[in-house]
Each structure stands twice: as C-alpha cells, then as structure tokens.
Amino acid sequence: MDQHQQRCGGPSAPMPATSEIKSIADSLKIDVEQKLNRTFDVFVVVTYKTQVVAGTNYLLKIHCGKDEYLHVKVYEMLPHAGSVRSVTSATDGHSLDDTF
C-alpha cells in the first residue's frame, strides 16, 4: 500500500496541504473560531487526511501561531446532497508532532 492509499473506511496517511484543502479551511475559518471561542491571526493548514464515509471527512492539522496547532474535522456531503461542508469538531492546544 503506498503512503497515500487508505484502508476501506479508514483515514488516509497524512499528506501535505494542497491549494484545494487550504481553500476549504479558509472558507470554514469563522466556523472553527466560533467552535473554539477564539480568533486566529495565523490559520495555515500544514497536513491533512481524508476518510471516505457517506461523504468525505477531511482531518486537518492547522498551524495557528507560535508552536500551536489545531485539529479540525470537516465533513463534506455527497454531491447529490449538495456537497455542503461543515466543521464537525475542532480542538486546540496541539503540537506539530501530535497525531491526528
């Protein structure tokens, strides 16, 4: 299995953030800030995983300043349901080396 393949139902291996993933995160930044009850001057996705469910989960590791990182889960509905994205969880206080 190569590093970007994923097991059926399981998350992929971590991958460097792409412009598409960065765009997804940027579009949901306000939702993450509301969920964590704080604002971020720095908000840069560094790595991500995907998980195919009845839609797609995006598991994002986001640098938010100094040595702090966020772990954010975004769910995207299937195309026939409108491909709507929403933040399903967000936790702060992580380091670059924390697994997500």
N, C-alpha and C. Protein backbone atom coordinates (compact mmCIF):
# COMPACT_ATOMS: atom_id res chain seq x y z
N MET A 1 0.86 -1.17 0.00
CA MET A 1 0.00 0.00 0.00
C MET A 1 0.90 1.23 0.00
N ASP A 2 0.71 2.15 -0.97
CA ASP A 2 1.56 3.34 -0.96
C ASP A 2 1.09 4.31 0.12
N GLN A 3 1.91 5.34 0.39
CA GLN A 3 1.66 6.22 1.54
C GLN A 3 0.36 7.00 1.44
N HIS A 4 -0.21 7.18 0.25
CA HIS A 4 -1.43 7.97 0.13
C HIS A 4 -2.68 7.11 0.00
N GLN A 5 -2.52 5.78 -0.09
CA GLN A 5 -3.68 4.90 -0.12
C GLN A 5 -4.29 4.82 1.26
N GLN A 6 -5.55 4.52 1.30
CA GLN A 6 -6.20 4.36 2.59
C GLN A 6 -6.95 3.04 2.63
N ARG A 7 -7.08 2.52 3.84
CA ARG A 7 -7.86 1.31 4.03
C ARG A 7 -9.33 1.66 3.90
N CYS A 8 -10.11 0.72 3.46
CA CYS A 8 -11.55 0.94 3.29
C CYS A 8 -12.15 1.44 4.61
N GLY A 9 -12.74 2.62 4.57
CA GLY A 9 -13.36 3.20 5.75
C GLY A 9 -12.41 3.91 6.69
N GLY A 10 -11.11 3.71 6.51
CA GLY A 10 -10.13 4.33 7.39
C GLY A 10 -9.57 5.61 6.79
N PRO A 11 -8.90 6.41 7.60
CA PRO A 11 -8.32 7.64 7.07
C PRO A 11 -7.07 7.35 6.24
N SER A 12 -6.78 8.24 5.33
CA SER A 12 -5.56 8.15 4.53
C SER A 12 -4.36 8.47 5.42
N ALA A 13 -3.19 8.27 4.89
CA ALA A 13 -1.97 8.74 5.56
C ALA A 13 -1.95 10.27 5.47
N PRO A 14 -1.25 10.94 6.40
CA PRO A 14 -1.16 12.40 6.31
C PRO A 14 -0.49 12.83 4.99
N MET A 15 -1.02 13.89 4.41
CA MET A 15 -0.48 14.44 3.16
C MET A 15 -0.28 15.94 3.32
N PRO A 16 0.69 16.50 2.58
CA PRO A 16 0.86 17.96 2.62
C PRO A 16 -0.39 18.66 2.09
N ALA A 17 -0.71 19.79 2.67
CA ALA A 17 -1.91 20.53 2.27
C ALA A 17 -1.79 21.01 0.83
N THR A 18 -2.88 20.88 0.09
CA THR A 18 -2.97 21.36 -1.29
C THR A 18 -3.71 22.70 -1.29
N SER A 19 -3.72 23.36 -2.43
CA SER A 19 -4.45 24.62 -2.52
C SER A 19 -5.95 24.40 -2.29
N GLU A 20 -6.48 23.25 -2.75
CA GLU A 20 -7.90 22.95 -2.53
C GLU A 20 -8.20 22.80 -1.04
N ILE A 21 -7.34 22.09 -0.32
CA ILE A 21 -7.53 21.89 1.12
C ILE A 21 -7.41 23.22 1.86
N LYS A 22 -6.45 24.04 1.46
CA LYS A 22 -6.30 25.36 2.09
C LYS A 22 -7.55 26.21 1.87
N SER A 23 -8.12 26.12 0.68
CA SER A 23 -9.34 26.86 0.37
C SER A 23 -10.51 26.39 1.23
N ILE A 24 -10.63 25.07 1.42
CA ILE A 24 -11.68 24.52 2.28
C ILE A 24 -11.53 25.08 3.69
N ALA A 25 -10.31 25.03 4.23
CA ALA A 25 -10.06 25.53 5.59
C ALA A 25 -10.37 27.01 5.69
N ASP A 26 -9.91 27.78 4.72
CA ASP A 26 -10.15 29.23 4.76
C ASP A 26 -11.64 29.55 4.75
N SER A 27 -12.41 28.77 3.98
CA SER A 27 -13.85 29.04 3.89
C SER A 27 -14.58 28.71 5.20
N LEU A 28 -13.96 27.90 6.05
CA LEU A 28 -14.59 27.50 7.31
C LEU A 28 -13.91 28.07 8.55
N LYS A 29 -12.98 29.00 8.35
CA LYS A 29 -12.22 29.58 9.47
C LYS A 29 -13.15 30.18 10.53
N ILE A 30 -14.15 30.92 10.12
CA ILE A 30 -15.08 31.54 11.08
C ILE A 30 -15.79 30.48 11.91
N ASP A 31 -16.17 29.37 11.27
CA ASP A 31 -16.83 28.28 11.99
C ASP A 31 -15.90 27.66 13.04
N VAL A 32 -14.63 27.50 12.69
CA VAL A 32 -13.64 26.97 13.63
C VAL A 32 -13.47 27.95 14.80
N GLU A 33 -13.37 29.23 14.49
CA GLU A 33 -13.22 30.24 15.55
C GLU A 33 -14.42 30.23 16.48
N GLN A 34 -15.61 30.10 15.94
CA GLN A 34 -16.81 30.06 16.78
C GLN A 34 -16.83 28.80 17.64
N LYS A 35 -16.44 27.67 17.06
CA LYS A 35 -16.45 26.41 17.81
C LYS A 35 -15.45 26.45 18.97
N LEU A 36 -14.30 27.11 18.75
CA LEU A 36 -13.26 27.19 19.79
C LEU A 36 -13.34 28.46 20.63
N ASN A 37 -14.26 29.35 20.28
CA ASN A 37 -14.46 30.60 21.01
C ASN A 37 -13.18 31.44 21.09
N ARG A 38 -12.47 31.53 19.97
CA ARG A 38 -11.28 32.37 19.87
C ARG A 38 -11.03 32.70 18.40
N THR A 39 -10.19 33.70 18.16
CA THR A 39 -9.87 34.08 16.78
C THR A 39 -8.40 33.76 16.50
N PHE A 40 -8.07 33.65 15.21
CA PHE A 40 -6.72 33.29 14.80
C PHE A 40 -6.19 34.26 13.75
N ASP A 41 -5.03 34.86 14.04
CA ASP A 41 -4.35 35.69 13.04
C ASP A 41 -3.61 34.79 12.05
N VAL A 42 -3.10 33.66 12.55
CA VAL A 42 -2.42 32.66 11.72
C VAL A 42 -3.37 31.47 11.60
N PHE A 43 -3.58 30.98 10.38
CA PHE A 43 -4.50 29.87 10.15
C PHE A 43 -4.06 29.18 8.86
N VAL A 44 -3.08 28.27 8.99
CA VAL A 44 -2.45 27.65 7.83
C VAL A 44 -2.48 26.13 7.94
N VAL A 45 -3.17 25.48 7.03
CA VAL A 45 -3.20 24.01 7.02
C VAL A 45 -1.82 23.51 6.62
N VAL A 46 -1.28 22.57 7.40
CA VAL A 46 0.02 22.00 7.06
C VAL A 46 -0.11 20.58 6.53
N THR A 47 -0.98 19.78 7.11
CA THR A 47 -1.20 18.43 6.62
C THR A 47 -2.69 18.10 6.75
N TYR A 48 -3.08 17.06 6.04
CA TYR A 48 -4.47 16.62 6.12
C TYR A 48 -4.56 15.13 5.82
N LYS A 49 -5.69 14.55 6.20
CA LYS A 49 -6.06 13.19 5.85
C LYS A 49 -7.48 13.26 5.30
N THR A 50 -7.85 12.25 4.55
CA THR A 50 -9.25 12.14 4.12
C THR A 50 -9.78 10.78 4.57
N GLN A 51 -11.07 10.73 4.74
CA GLN A 51 -11.74 9.48 5.10
C GLN A 51 -13.07 9.45 4.36
N VAL A 52 -13.25 8.44 3.52
CA VAL A 52 -14.48 8.31 2.76
C VAL A 52 -15.51 7.60 3.64
N VAL A 53 -16.61 8.28 3.85
CA VAL A 53 -17.75 7.74 4.61
C VAL A 53 -18.96 7.94 3.70
N ALA A 54 -20.11 8.28 4.21
CA ALA A 54 -21.24 8.66 3.35
C ALA A 54 -21.03 10.14 3.02
N GLY A 55 -19.96 10.40 2.31
CA GLY A 55 -19.42 11.73 2.07
C GLY A 55 -17.92 11.64 2.32
N THR A 56 -17.30 12.75 2.68
CA THR A 56 -15.86 12.75 2.97
C THR A 56 -15.57 13.52 4.24
N ASN A 57 -14.77 12.92 5.11
CA ASN A 57 -14.22 13.65 6.26
C ASN A 57 -12.83 14.14 5.87
N TYR A 58 -12.56 15.40 6.15
CA TYR A 58 -11.23 15.96 6.00
C TYR A 58 -10.71 16.19 7.41
N LEU A 59 -9.57 15.61 7.72
CA LEU A 59 -8.94 15.78 9.02
C LEU A 59 -7.75 16.70 8.80
N LEU A 60 -7.83 17.91 9.35
CA LEU A 60 -6.85 18.95 9.06
C LEU A 60 -5.98 19.26 10.27
N LYS A 61 -4.69 19.43 10.04
CA LYS A 61 -3.78 19.95 11.07
C LYS A 61 -3.45 21.37 10.63
N ILE A 62 -3.84 22.34 11.46
CA ILE A 62 -3.74 23.75 11.10
C ILE A 62 -2.81 24.47 12.08
N HIS A 63 -1.79 25.14 11.53
CA HIS A 63 -0.90 25.96 12.36
C HIS A 63 -1.64 27.25 12.69
N CYS A 64 -1.69 27.60 13.98
CA CYS A 64 -2.43 28.80 14.37
C CYS A 64 -1.56 29.79 15.14
N GLY A 65 -0.24 29.68 14.99
CA GLY A 65 0.67 30.64 15.61
C GLY A 65 1.61 29.99 16.60
N LYS A 66 2.80 30.56 16.70
CA LYS A 66 3.86 30.04 17.57
C LYS A 66 4.01 28.53 17.37
N ASP A 67 3.91 27.76 18.43
CA ASP A 67 4.06 26.30 18.33
C ASP A 67 2.73 25.59 18.49
N GLU A 68 1.62 26.26 18.22
CA GLU A 68 0.30 25.67 18.46
C GLU A 68 -0.38 25.27 17.15
N TYR A 69 -1.05 24.14 17.22
CA TYR A 69 -1.77 23.60 16.07
C TYR A 69 -3.18 23.20 16.48
N LEU A 70 -4.07 23.25 15.51
CA LEU A 70 -5.45 22.81 15.69
C LEU A 70 -5.64 21.49 14.97
N HIS A 71 -6.56 20.68 15.47
CA HIS A 71 -7.03 19.50 14.75
C HIS A 71 -8.49 19.76 14.43
N VAL A 72 -8.80 19.79 13.15
CA VAL A 72 -10.15 20.15 12.70
C VAL A 72 -10.69 19.05 11.79
N LYS A 73 -11.92 18.64 12.05
CA LYS A 73 -12.59 17.65 11.18
C LYS A 73 -13.70 18.37 10.43
N VAL A 74 -13.65 18.24 9.11
CA VAL A 74 -14.66 18.83 8.23
C VAL A 74 -15.37 17.70 7.50
N TYR A 75 -16.69 17.74 7.50
CA TYR A 75 -17.48 16.74 6.78
C TYR A 75 -18.04 17.39 5.52
N GLU A 76 -17.87 16.71 4.38
CA GLU A 76 -18.45 17.16 3.13
C GLU A 76 -19.47 16.13 2.66
N MET A 77 -20.71 16.58 2.47
CA MET A 77 -21.79 15.70 2.00
C MET A 77 -21.49 15.24 0.58
N LEU A 78 -22.14 14.16 0.18
CA LEU A 78 -22.02 13.66 -1.18
C LEU A 78 -22.57 14.69 -2.17
N PRO A 79 -22.10 14.65 -3.43
CA PRO A 79 -22.55 15.63 -4.43
C PRO A 79 -24.06 15.70 -4.60
N HIS A 80 -24.76 14.56 -4.58
CA HIS A 80 -26.22 14.60 -4.76
C HIS A 80 -26.92 15.31 -3.60
N ALA A 81 -26.22 15.45 -2.48
CA ALA A 81 -26.78 16.15 -1.31
C ALA A 81 -26.28 17.59 -1.24
N GLY A 82 -25.57 18.03 -2.28
CA GLY A 82 -25.15 19.42 -2.34
C GLY A 82 -23.70 19.69 -1.99
N SER A 83 -22.93 18.68 -1.64
CA SER A 83 -21.51 18.84 -1.30
C SER A 83 -21.29 19.90 -0.22
N VAL A 84 -22.26 20.08 0.67
CA VAL A 84 -22.16 21.06 1.75
C VAL A 84 -21.07 20.61 2.73
N ARG A 85 -20.26 21.56 3.19
CA ARG A 85 -19.19 21.26 4.15
C ARG A 85 -19.53 21.88 5.50
N SER A 86 -19.15 21.17 6.56
CA SER A 86 -19.35 21.71 7.91
C SER A 86 -18.23 21.21 8.83
N VAL A 87 -17.91 22.03 9.82
CA VAL A 87 -16.91 21.65 10.83
C VAL A 87 -17.62 20.78 11.85
N THR A 88 -17.16 19.54 12.01
CA THR A 88 -17.79 18.64 12.97
C THR A 88 -17.04 18.59 14.29
N SER A 89 -15.75 18.92 14.27
CA SER A 89 -15.01 19.02 15.53
C SER A 89 -13.77 19.88 15.32
N ALA A 90 -13.33 20.48 16.40
CA ALA A 90 -12.11 21.30 16.38
C ALA A 90 -11.53 21.30 17.78
N THR A 91 -10.25 21.01 17.88
CA THR A 91 -9.56 21.05 19.17
C THR A 91 -8.28 21.85 19.02
N ASP A 92 -7.93 22.58 20.06
CA ASP A 92 -6.71 23.39 20.02
C ASP A 92 -5.70 22.85 21.02
N GLY A 93 -4.54 23.52 21.08
CA GLY A 93 -3.52 23.12 22.05
C GLY A 93 -2.64 21.97 21.60
N HIS A 94 -2.61 21.68 20.31
CA HIS A 94 -1.80 20.57 19.81
C HIS A 94 -0.43 21.07 19.35
N SER A 95 0.51 20.12 19.20
CA SER A 95 1.82 20.45 18.65
C SER A 95 1.93 19.86 17.25
N LEU A 96 2.97 20.23 16.53
CA LEU A 96 3.18 19.71 15.20
C LEU A 96 3.29 18.19 15.21
N ASP A 97 3.89 17.63 16.25
CA ASP A 97 4.13 16.19 16.31
C ASP A 97 2.95 15.37 16.82
N ASP A 98 1.89 16.01 17.33
CA ASP A 98 0.73 15.26 17.80
C ASP A 98 0.06 14.55 16.63
N THR A 99 -0.33 13.29 16.85
CA THR A 99 -1.05 12.57 15.82
C THR A 99 -2.49 13.07 15.79
N PHE A 100 -3.08 12.99 14.61
CA PHE A 100 -4.47 13.42 14.47
C PHE A 100 -5.24 12.43 13.64
